[in-house]
Amino acid sequence: MKIDVTKEAQEWFNTELGLTEGSGIRFSGKVYGKTEVHEGFSVGMAVAQPGDNVMASTSIDGVTYYVNESDDWFFNGYDLEVDYDAKRDEPVYHFIEQ
């Protein structure tokens, strides 16, 4: 699995969450909502430091964006692209089949 975060999404995370170098953002599957490939589930996001069970990660400007192995059920078979929706002023998540 690969995680890509656009520059616009990075700027949103930094501004809205006050991220600094050394911060981490964990993406996970959560009940309710929907994605392009999941019905009844959406992407959860939390400011957290990665532990020993990271399935995929990318570091940009000192911030680590990652998914834990425990969320393999949600991300299995897909790469994750995190973009920014200016109209809604929030991140948007795209699942790209591997």
PDB file of N, CA and C in Angstrom:
ATOM      1  N   MET A   1       0.847  -1.182   0.000  1.00  0.00           N
ATOM      2  CA  MET A   1       0.000   0.000   0.000  1.00  0.00           C
ATOM      3  C   MET A   1       0.887   1.237   0.000  1.00  0.00           C
ATOM      4  N   LYS A   2       0.449   2.223  -0.756  1.00  0.00           N
ATOM      5  CA  LYS A   2       1.160   3.492  -0.838  1.00  0.00           C
ATOM      6  C   LYS A   2       0.212   4.603  -0.393  1.00  0.00           C
ATOM      7  N   ILE A   3       0.750   5.598   0.293  1.00  0.00           N
ATOM      8  CA  ILE A   3      -0.031   6.760   0.726  1.00  0.00           C
ATOM      9  C   ILE A   3       0.548   7.997   0.055  1.00  0.00           C
ATOM     10  N   ASP A   4      -0.301   8.725  -0.670  1.00  0.00           N
ATOM     11  CA  ASP A   4       0.083  10.002  -1.281  1.00  0.00           C
ATOM     12  C   ASP A   4      -0.764  11.105  -0.664  1.00  0.00           C
ATOM     13  N   VAL A   5      -0.129  12.204  -0.302  1.00  0.00           N
ATOM     14  CA  VAL A   5      -0.819  13.349   0.287  1.00  0.00           C
ATOM     15  C   VAL A   5      -0.478  14.569  -0.562  1.00  0.00           C
ATOM     16  N   THR A   6      -1.503  15.210  -1.134  1.00  0.00           N
ATOM     17  CA  THR A   6      -1.246  16.375  -1.984  1.00  0.00           C
ATOM     18  C   THR A   6      -0.766  17.556  -1.138  1.00  0.00           C
ATOM     19  N   LYS A   7      -0.144  18.506  -1.789  1.00  0.00           N
ATOM     20  CA  LYS A   7       0.345  19.704  -1.110  1.00  0.00           C
ATOM     21  C   LYS A   7      -0.809  20.453  -0.440  1.00  0.00           C
ATOM     22  N   GLU A   8      -1.951  20.535  -1.108  1.00  0.00           N
ATOM     23  CA  GLU A   8      -3.114  21.232  -0.554  1.00  0.00           C
ATOM     24  C   GLU A   8      -3.619  20.531   0.712  1.00  0.00           C
ATOM     25  N   ALA A   9      -3.635  19.207   0.692  1.00  0.00           N
ATOM     26  CA  ALA A   9      -4.052  18.457   1.879  1.00  0.00           C
ATOM     27  C   ALA A   9      -3.047  18.655   3.011  1.00  0.00           C
ATOM     28  N   GLN A  10      -1.770  18.637   2.699  1.00  0.00           N
ATOM     29  CA  GLN A  10      -0.732  18.878   3.712  1.00  0.00           C
ATOM     30  C   GLN A  10      -0.952  20.231   4.386  1.00  0.00           C
ATOM     31  N   GLU A  11      -1.209  21.245   3.584  1.00  0.00           N
ATOM     32  CA  GLU A  11      -1.427  22.582   4.128  1.00  0.00           C
ATOM     33  C   GLU A  11      -2.651  22.606   5.042  1.00  0.00           C
ATOM     34  N   TRP A  12      -3.727  21.898   4.656  1.00  0.00           N
ATOM     35  CA  TRP A  12      -4.921  21.846   5.495  1.00  0.00           C
ATOM     36  C   TRP A  12      -4.601  21.190   6.837  1.00  0.00           C
ATOM     37  N   PHE A  13      -3.938  20.036   6.805  1.00  0.00           N
ATOM     38  CA  PHE A  13      -3.579  19.336   8.046  1.00  0.00           C
ATOM     39  C   PHE A  13      -2.718  20.220   8.939  1.00  0.00           C
ATOM     40  N   ASN A  14      -1.723  20.861   8.355  1.00  0.00           N
ATOM     41  CA  ASN A  14      -0.830  21.714   9.146  1.00  0.00           C
ATOM     42  C   ASN A  14      -1.582  22.872   9.789  1.00  0.00           C
ATOM     43  N   THR A  15      -2.450  23.530   9.030  1.00  0.00           N
ATOM     44  CA  THR A  15      -3.184  24.691   9.532  1.00  0.00           C
ATOM     45  C   THR A  15      -4.250  24.291  10.536  1.00  0.00           C
ATOM     46  N   GLU A  16      -5.092  23.333  10.177  1.00  0.00           N
ATOM     47  CA  GLU A  16      -6.232  22.956  11.017  1.00  0.00           C
ATOM     48  C   GLU A  16      -5.827  22.206  12.279  1.00  0.00           C
ATOM     49  N   LEU A  17      -4.765  21.415  12.201  1.00  0.00           N
ATOM     50  CA  LEU A  17      -4.388  20.577  13.329  1.00  0.00           C
ATOM     51  C   LEU A  17      -3.123  21.060  14.037  1.00  0.00           C
ATOM     52  N   GLY A  18      -2.544  22.152  13.542  1.00  0.00           N
ATOM     53  CA  GLY A  18      -1.350  22.705  14.181  1.00  0.00           C
ATOM     54  C   GLY A  18      -0.173  21.745  14.181  1.00  0.00           C
ATOM     55  N   LEU A  19       0.000  21.012  13.086  1.00  0.00           N
ATOM     56  CA  LEU A  19       1.075  20.029  13.019  1.00  0.00           C
ATOM     57  C   LEU A  19       2.436  20.706  12.958  1.00  0.00           C
ATOM     58  N   THR A  20       3.392  20.056  13.552  1.00  0.00           N
ATOM     59  CA  THR A  20       4.782  20.500  13.493  1.00  0.00           C
ATOM     60  C   THR A  20       5.637  19.298  13.123  1.00  0.00           C
ATOM     61  N   GLU A  21       6.887  19.538  12.856  1.00  0.00           N
ATOM     62  CA  GLU A  21       7.797  18.451  12.537  1.00  0.00           C
ATOM     63  C   GLU A  21       7.771  17.430  13.670  1.00  0.00           C
ATOM     64  N   GLY A  22       7.651  16.169  13.307  1.00  0.00           N
ATOM     65  CA  GLY A  22       7.575  15.100  14.299  1.00  0.00           C
ATOM     66  C   GLY A  22       6.154  14.644  14.576  1.00  0.00           C
ATOM     67  N   SER A  23       5.155  15.357  14.042  1.00  0.00           N
ATOM     68  CA  SER A  23       3.748  14.963  14.230  1.00  0.00           C
ATOM     69  C   SER A  23       3.422  13.761  13.358  1.00  0.00           C
ATOM     70  N   GLY A  24       2.320  13.093  13.687  1.00  0.00           N
ATOM     71  CA  GLY A  24       1.843  11.969  12.896  1.00  0.00           C
ATOM     72  C   GLY A  24       0.345  12.046  12.698  1.00  0.00           C
ATOM     73  N   ILE A  25      -0.117  11.567  11.552  1.00  0.00           N
ATOM     74  CA  ILE A  25      -1.540  11.473  11.230  1.00  0.00           C
ATOM     75  C   ILE A  25      -1.836  10.021  10.881  1.00  0.00           C
ATOM     76  N   ARG A  26      -2.751   9.419  11.644  1.00  0.00           N
ATOM     77  CA  ARG A  26      -3.146   8.037  11.388  1.00  0.00           C
ATOM     78  C   ARG A  26      -4.474   8.018  10.645  1.00  0.00           C
ATOM     79  N   PHE A  27      -4.523   7.264   9.546  1.00  0.00           N
ATOM     80  CA  PHE A  27      -5.753   7.038   8.806  1.00  0.00           C
ATOM     81  C   PHE A  27      -6.260   5.642   9.165  1.00  0.00           C
ATOM     82  N   SER A  28      -7.583   5.522   9.313  1.00  0.00           N
ATOM     83  CA  SER A  28      -8.172   4.244   9.697  1.00  0.00           C
ATOM     84  C   SER A  28      -9.566   4.119   9.093  1.00  0.00           C
ATOM     85  N   GLY A  29     -10.102   2.916   9.157  1.00  0.00           N
ATOM     86  CA  GLY A  29     -11.478   2.689   8.737  1.00  0.00           C
ATOM     87  C   GLY A  29     -12.401   2.919   9.915  1.00  0.00           C
ATOM     88  N   LYS A  30     -13.532   3.566   9.670  1.00  0.00           N
ATOM     89  CA  LYS A  30     -14.497   3.770  10.752  1.00  0.00           C
ATOM     90  C   LYS A  30     -15.908   3.481  10.250  1.00  0.00           C
ATOM     91  N   VAL A  31     -16.757   3.073  11.163  1.00  0.00           N
ATOM     92  CA  VAL A  31     -18.139   2.739  10.841  1.00  0.00           C
ATOM     93  C   VAL A  31     -18.905   4.022  10.532  1.00  0.00           C
ATOM     94  N   TYR A  32     -19.827   3.930   9.607  1.00  0.00           N
ATOM     95  CA  TYR A  32     -20.707   4.998   9.130  1.00  0.00           C
ATOM     96  C   TYR A  32     -20.039   5.784   7.999  1.00  0.00           C
ATOM     97  N   GLY A  33     -20.863   6.207   7.088  1.00  0.00           N
ATOM     98  CA  GLY A  33     -20.391   6.966   5.947  1.00  0.00           C
ATOM     99  C   GLY A  33     -20.187   6.067   4.745  1.00  0.00           C
ATOM    100  N   LYS A  34     -19.376   6.545   3.820  1.00  0.00           N
ATOM    101  CA  LYS A  34     -19.059   5.755   2.638  1.00  0.00           C
ATOM    102  C   LYS A  34     -17.844   6.344   1.961  1.00  0.00           C
ATOM    103  N   THR A  35     -17.147   5.493   1.243  1.00  0.00           N
ATOM    104  CA  THR A  35     -16.013   5.921   0.436  1.00  0.00           C
ATOM    105  C   THR A  35     -16.305   5.514  -1.005  1.00  0.00           C
ATOM    106  N   GLU A  36     -15.345   5.733  -1.867  1.00  0.00           N
ATOM    107  CA  GLU A  36     -15.500   5.315  -3.257  1.00  0.00           C
ATOM    108  C   GLU A  36     -15.620   3.795  -3.390  1.00  0.00           C
ATOM    109  N   VAL A  37     -15.122   3.066  -2.392  1.00  0.00           N
ATOM    110  CA  VAL A  37     -15.099   1.601  -2.481  1.00  0.00           C
ATOM    111  C   VAL A  37     -15.735   0.893  -1.286  1.00  0.00           C
ATOM    112  N   HIS A  38     -16.219   1.628  -0.292  1.00  0.00           N
ATOM    113  CA  HIS A  38     -16.830   1.028   0.904  1.00  0.00           C
ATOM    114  C   HIS A  38     -18.203   1.646   1.148  1.00  0.00           C
ATOM    115  N   GLU A  39     -19.167   0.809   1.410  1.00  0.00           N
ATOM    116  CA  GLU A  39     -20.496   1.282   1.798  1.00  0.00           C
ATOM    117  C   GLU A  39     -20.637   1.043   3.293  1.00  0.00           C
ATOM    118  N   GLY A  40     -21.006   2.085   4.046  1.00  0.00           N
ATOM    119  CA  GLY A  40     -21.181   1.950   5.484  1.00  0.00           C
ATOM    120  C   GLY A  40     -19.932   2.224   6.300  1.00  0.00           C
ATOM    121  N   PHE A  41     -18.837   2.594   5.624  1.00  0.00           N
ATOM    122  CA  PHE A  41     -17.581   2.899   6.299  1.00  0.00           C
ATOM    123  C   PHE A  41     -16.956   4.138   5.675  1.00  0.00           C
ATOM    124  N   SER A  42     -16.223   4.891   6.478  1.00  0.00           N
ATOM    125  CA  SER A  42     -15.503   6.046   5.967  1.00  0.00           C
ATOM    126  C   SER A  42     -14.096   6.078   6.548  1.00  0.00           C
ATOM    127  N   VAL A  43     -13.311   7.041   6.116  1.00  0.00           N
ATOM    128  CA  VAL A  43     -11.938   7.166   6.587  1.00  0.00           C
ATOM    129  C   VAL A  43     -11.927   8.000   7.858  1.00  0.00           C
ATOM    130  N   GLY A  44     -11.310   7.446   8.885  1.00  0.00           N
ATOM    131  CA  GLY A  44     -11.086   8.181  10.122  1.00  0.00           C
ATOM    132  C   GLY A  44      -9.674   8.741  10.106  1.00  0.00           C
ATOM    133  N   MET A  45      -9.458   9.801  10.854  1.00  0.00           N
ATOM    134  CA  MET A  45      -8.151  10.436  10.905  1.00  0.00           C
ATOM    135  C   MET A  45      -7.912  10.914  12.325  1.00  0.00           C
ATOM    136  N   ALA A  46      -6.683  10.744  12.816  1.00  0.00           N
ATOM    137  CA  ALA A  46      -6.343  11.186  14.171  1.00  0.00           C
ATOM    138  C   ALA A  46      -4.886  11.612  14.218  1.00  0.00           C
ATOM    139  N   VAL A  47      -4.603  12.595  15.052  1.00  0.00           N
ATOM    140  CA  VAL A  47      -3.219  12.970  15.304  1.00  0.00           C
ATOM    141  C   VAL A  47      -2.668  11.943  16.287  1.00  0.00           C
ATOM    142  N   ALA A  48      -1.663  11.192  15.859  1.00  0.00           N
ATOM    143  CA  ALA A  48      -1.084  10.130  16.684  1.00  0.00           C
ATOM    144  C   ALA A  48       0.301   9.778  16.156  1.00  0.00           C
ATOM    145  N   GLN A  49       1.123   9.250  17.023  1.00  0.00           N
ATOM    146  CA  GLN A  49       2.462   8.812  16.629  1.00  0.00           C
ATOM    147  C   GLN A  49       2.423   7.358  16.187  1.00  0.00           C
ATOM    148  N   PRO A  50       3.129   7.026  15.103  1.00  0.00           N
ATOM    149  CA  PRO A  50       3.160   5.637  14.661  1.00  0.00           C
ATOM    150  C   PRO A  50       3.886   4.756  15.671  1.00  0.00           C
ATOM    151  N   GLY A  51       3.392   3.531  15.805  1.00  0.00           N
ATOM    152  CA  GLY A  51       4.031   2.549  16.682  1.00  0.00           C
ATOM    153  C   GLY A  51       4.761   1.505  15.856  1.00  0.00           C
ATOM    154  N   ASP A  52       4.765   0.278  16.363  1.00  0.00           N
ATOM    155  CA  ASP A  52       5.488  -0.807  15.705  1.00  0.00           C
ATOM    156  C   ASP A  52       4.659  -1.534  14.648  1.00  0.00           C
ATOM    157  N   ASN A  53       3.369  -1.237  14.569  1.00  0.00           N
ATOM    158  CA  ASN A  53       2.491  -2.004  13.678  1.00  0.00           C
ATOM    159  C   ASN A  53       2.034  -1.215  12.453  1.00  0.00           C
ATOM    160  N   VAL A  54       2.922  -0.421  11.882  1.00  0.00           N
ATOM    161  CA  VAL A  54       2.585   0.399  10.714  1.00  0.00           C
ATOM    162  C   VAL A  54       2.580  -0.458   9.453  1.00  0.00           C
ATOM    163  N   MET A  55       1.485  -0.364   8.699  1.00  0.00           N
ATOM    164  CA  MET A  55       1.345  -1.106   7.447  1.00  0.00           C
ATOM    165  C   MET A  55       1.914  -0.297   6.275  1.00  0.00           C
ATOM    166  N   ALA A  56       1.685   1.009   6.292  1.00  0.00           N
ATOM    167  CA  ALA A  56       2.170   1.889   5.231  1.00  0.00           C
ATOM    168  C   ALA A  56       2.328   3.289   5.800  1.00  0.00           C
ATOM    169  N   SER A  57       3.301   4.018   5.276  1.00  0.00           N
ATOM    170  CA  SER A  57       3.498   5.384   5.742  1.00  0.00           C
ATOM    171  C   SER A  57       4.235   6.201   4.695  1.00  0.00           C
ATOM    172  N   THR A  58       4.117   7.505   4.846  1.00  0.00           N
ATOM    173  CA  THR A  58       4.902   8.449   4.061  1.00  0.00           C
ATOM    174  C   THR A  58       5.182   9.639   4.965  1.00  0.00           C
ATOM    175  N   SER A  59       6.371  10.191   4.852  1.00  0.00           N
ATOM    176  CA  SER A  59       6.742  11.370   5.640  1.00  0.00           C
ATOM    177  C   SER A  59       6.957  12.542   4.715  1.00  0.00           C
ATOM    178  N   ILE A  60       6.302  13.659   5.044  1.00  0.00           N
ATOM    179  CA  ILE A  60       6.405  14.872   4.241  1.00  0.00           C
ATOM    180  C   ILE A  60       6.654  16.034   5.186  1.00  0.00           C
ATOM    181  N   ASP A  61       7.732  16.749   4.976  1.00  0.00           N
ATOM    182  CA  ASP A  61       8.092  17.899   5.805  1.00  0.00           C
ATOM    183  C   ASP A  61       8.072  17.554   7.295  1.00  0.00           C
ATOM    184  N   GLY A  62       8.531  16.358   7.636  1.00  0.00           N
ATOM    185  CA  GLY A  62       8.630  15.949   9.030  1.00  0.00           C
ATOM    186  C   GLY A  62       7.354  15.425   9.652  1.00  0.00           C
ATOM    187  N   VAL A  63       6.266  15.345   8.887  1.00  0.00           N
ATOM    188  CA  VAL A  63       4.999  14.797   9.377  1.00  0.00           C
ATOM    189  C   VAL A  63       4.815  13.411   8.758  1.00  0.00           C
ATOM    190  N   THR A  64       4.493  12.424   9.592  1.00  0.00           N
ATOM    191  CA  THR A  64       4.281  11.057   9.118  1.00  0.00           C
ATOM    192  C   THR A  64       2.789  10.777   8.990  1.00  0.00           C
ATOM    193  N   TYR A  65       2.373  10.393   7.789  1.00  0.00           N
ATOM    194  CA  TYR A  65       1.004   9.987   7.500  1.00  0.00           C
ATOM    195  C   TYR A  65       1.035   8.473   7.381  1.00  0.00           C
ATOM    196  N   TYR A  66       0.162   7.761   8.120  1.00  0.00           N
ATOM    197  CA  TYR A  66       0.314   6.316   8.152  1.00  0.00           C
ATOM    198  C   TYR A  66      -1.004   5.569   8.390  1.00  0.00           C
ATOM    199  N   VAL A  67      -0.924   4.255   8.144  1.00  0.00           N
ATOM    200  CA  VAL A  67      -2.015   3.314   8.388  1.00  0.00           C
ATOM    201  C   VAL A  67      -1.422   2.154   9.174  1.00  0.00           C
ATOM    202  N   ASN A  68      -2.116   1.711  10.209  1.00  0.00           N
ATOM    203  CA  ASN A  68      -1.681   0.563  11.004  1.00  0.00           C
ATOM    204  C   ASN A  68      -2.143  -0.747  10.386  1.00  0.00           C
ATOM    205  N   GLU A  69      -1.429  -1.816  10.709  1.00  0.00           N
ATOM    206  CA  GLU A  69      -1.775  -3.156  10.222  1.00  0.00           C
ATOM    207  C   GLU A  69      -3.192  -3.560  10.622  1.00  0.00           C
ATOM    208  N   SER A  70      -3.670  -3.059  11.746  1.00  0.00           N
ATOM    209  CA  SER A  70      -5.017  -3.416  12.211  1.00  0.00           C
ATOM    210  C   SER A  70      -6.111  -2.894  11.270  1.00  0.00           C
ATOM    211  N   ASP A  71      -5.764  -1.990  10.370  1.00  0.00           N
ATOM    212  CA  ASP A  71      -6.726  -1.466   9.396  1.00  0.00           C
ATOM    213  C   ASP A  71      -6.533  -2.046   8.002  1.00  0.00           C
ATOM    214  N   ASP A  72      -5.812  -3.155   7.940  1.00  0.00           N
ATOM    215  CA  ASP A  72      -5.609  -3.837   6.660  1.00  0.00           C
ATOM    216  C   ASP A  72      -6.943  -4.199   6.013  1.00  0.00           C
ATOM    217  N   TRP A  73      -7.932  -4.594   6.803  1.00  0.00           N
ATOM    218  CA  TRP A  73      -9.265  -4.958   6.290  1.00  0.00           C
ATOM    219  C   TRP A  73      -9.882  -3.834   5.464  1.00  0.00           C
ATOM    220  N   PHE A  74      -9.561  -2.602   5.790  1.00  0.00           N
ATOM    221  CA  PHE A  74     -10.166  -1.441   5.144  1.00  0.00           C
ATOM    222  C   PHE A  74      -9.372  -0.985   3.918  1.00  0.00           C
ATOM    223  N   PHE A  75      -8.052  -1.058   3.992  1.00  0.00           N
ATOM    224  CA  PHE A  75      -7.193  -0.530   2.930  1.00  0.00           C
ATOM    225  C   PHE A  75      -6.622  -1.602   2.011  1.00  0.00           C
ATOM    226  N   ASN A  76      -6.825  -2.876   2.323  1.00  0.00           N
ATOM    227  CA  ASN A  76      -6.242  -3.969   1.557  1.00  0.00           C
ATOM    228  C   ASN A  76      -6.601  -3.872   0.074  1.00  0.00           C
ATOM    229  N   GLY A  77      -5.570  -3.926  -0.771  1.00  0.00           N
ATOM    230  CA  GLY A  77      -5.769  -3.885  -2.225  1.00  0.00           C
ATOM    231  C   GLY A  77      -5.823  -2.496  -2.814  1.00  0.00           C
ATOM    232  N   TYR A  78      -5.644  -1.472  -1.976  1.00  0.00           N
ATOM    233  CA  TYR A  78      -5.738  -0.089  -2.449  1.00  0.00           C
ATOM    234  C   TYR A  78      -4.560   0.760  -1.982  1.00  0.00           C
ATOM    235  N   ASP A  79      -4.204   1.732  -2.803  1.00  0.00           N
ATOM    236  CA  ASP A  79      -3.345   2.826  -2.374  1.00  0.00           C
ATOM    237  C   ASP A  79      -4.280   3.959  -1.966  1.00  0.00           C
ATOM    238  N   LEU A  80      -3.815   4.815  -1.068  1.00  0.00           N
ATOM    239  CA  LEU A  80      -4.635   5.916  -0.579  1.00  0.00           C
ATOM    240  C   LEU A  80      -4.068   7.240  -1.056  1.00  0.00           C
ATOM    241  N   GLU A  81      -4.902   8.038  -1.710  1.00  0.00           N
ATOM    242  CA  GLU A  81      -4.533   9.400  -2.079  1.00  0.00           C
ATOM    243  C   GLU A  81      -5.364  10.351  -1.238  1.00  0.00           C
ATOM    244  N   VAL A  82      -4.696  11.227  -0.523  1.00  0.00           N
ATOM    245  CA  VAL A  82      -5.360  12.217   0.323  1.00  0.00           C
ATOM    246  C   VAL A  82      -5.242  13.555  -0.385  1.00  0.00           C
ATOM    247  N   ASP A  83      -6.384  14.141  -0.717  1.00  0.00           N
ATOM    248  CA  ASP A  83      -6.430  15.417  -1.419  1.00  0.00           C
ATOM    249  C   ASP A  83      -7.235  16.394  -0.567  1.00  0.00           C
ATOM    250  N   TYR A  84      -7.486  17.575  -1.093  1.00  0.00           N
ATOM    251  CA  TYR A  84      -8.210  18.614  -0.372  1.00  0.00           C
ATOM    252  C   TYR A  84      -9.365  19.112  -1.218  1.00  0.00           C
ATOM    253  N   ASP A  85     -10.554  19.217  -0.615  1.00  0.00           N
ATOM    254  CA  ASP A  85     -11.737  19.753  -1.274  1.00  0.00           C
ATOM    255  C   ASP A  85     -11.943  21.182  -0.773  1.00  0.00           C
ATOM    256  N   ALA A  86     -11.652  22.161  -1.614  1.00  0.00           N
ATOM    257  CA  ALA A  86     -11.731  23.576  -1.218  1.00  0.00           C
ATOM    258  C   ALA A  86     -13.167  24.009  -0.914  1.00  0.00           C
ATOM    259  N   LYS A  87     -14.153  23.481  -1.640  1.00  0.00           N
ATOM    260  CA  LYS A  87     -15.546  23.852  -1.397  1.00  0.00           C
ATOM    261  C   LYS A  87     -16.000  23.430  -0.012  1.00  0.00           C
ATOM    262  N   ARG A  88     -15.581  22.248   0.419  1.00  0.00           N
ATOM    263  CA  ARG A  88     -15.989  21.722   1.720  1.00  0.00           C
ATOM    264  C   ARG A  88     -14.962  22.036   2.816  1.00  0.00           C
ATOM    265  N   ASP A  89     -13.814  22.531   2.404  1.00  0.00           N
ATOM    266  CA  ASP A  89     -12.714  22.847   3.314  1.00  0.00           C
ATOM    267  C   ASP A  89     -12.372  21.651   4.203  1.00  0.00           C
ATOM    268  N   GLU A  90     -12.082  20.530   3.540  1.00  0.00           N
ATOM    269  CA  GLU A  90     -11.734  19.310   4.266  1.00  0.00           C
ATOM    270  C   GLU A  90     -10.989  18.347   3.348  1.00  0.00           C
ATOM    271  N   PRO A  91     -10.298  17.394   3.948  1.00  0.00           N
ATOM    272  CA  PRO A  91      -9.620  16.386   3.118  1.00  0.00           C
ATOM    273  C   PRO A  91     -10.623  15.492   2.405  1.00  0.00           C
ATOM    274  N   VAL A  92     -10.209  14.957   1.290  1.00  0.00           N
ATOM    275  CA  VAL A  92     -10.997  13.977   0.541  1.00  0.00           C
ATOM    276  C   VAL A  92     -10.067  12.804   0.244  1.00  0.00           C
ATOM    277  N   TYR A  93     -10.614  11.600   0.312  1.00  0.00           N
ATOM    278  CA  TYR A  93      -9.810  10.381   0.210  1.00  0.00           C
ATOM    279  C   TYR A  93     -10.178   9.606  -1.036  1.00  0.00           C
ATOM    280  N   HIS A  94      -9.148   9.220  -1.794  1.00  0.00           N
ATOM    281  CA  HIS A  94      -9.355   8.434  -3.015  1.00  0.00           C
ATOM    282  C   HIS A  94      -8.641   7.101  -2.853  1.00  0.00           C
ATOM    283  N   PHE A  95      -9.324   6.035  -3.239  1.00  0.00           N
ATOM    284  CA  PHE A  95      -8.777   4.696  -3.178  1.00  0.00           C
ATOM    285  C   PHE A  95      -8.405   4.269  -4.585  1.00  0.00           C
ATOM    286  N   ILE A  96      -7.132   3.948  -4.776  1.00  0.00           N
ATOM    287  CA  ILE A  96      -6.627   3.548  -6.087  1.00  0.00           C
ATOM    288  C   ILE A  96      -6.284   2.074  -6.024  1.00  0.00           C
ATOM    289  N   GLU A  97      -6.967   1.288  -6.861  1.00  0.00           N
ATOM    290  CA  GLU A  97      -6.744  -0.152  -6.852  1.00  0.00           C
ATOM    291  C   GLU A  97      -5.311  -0.450  -7.237  1.00  0.00           C
ATOM    292  N   GLN A  98      -4.715  -1.376  -6.509  1.00  0.00           N
ATOM    293  CA  GLN A  98      -3.309  -1.746  -6.766  1.00  0.00           C
ATOM    294  C   GLN A  98      -3.215  -2.702  -7.926  1.00  0.00           C
TER     295      GLN A  98
END
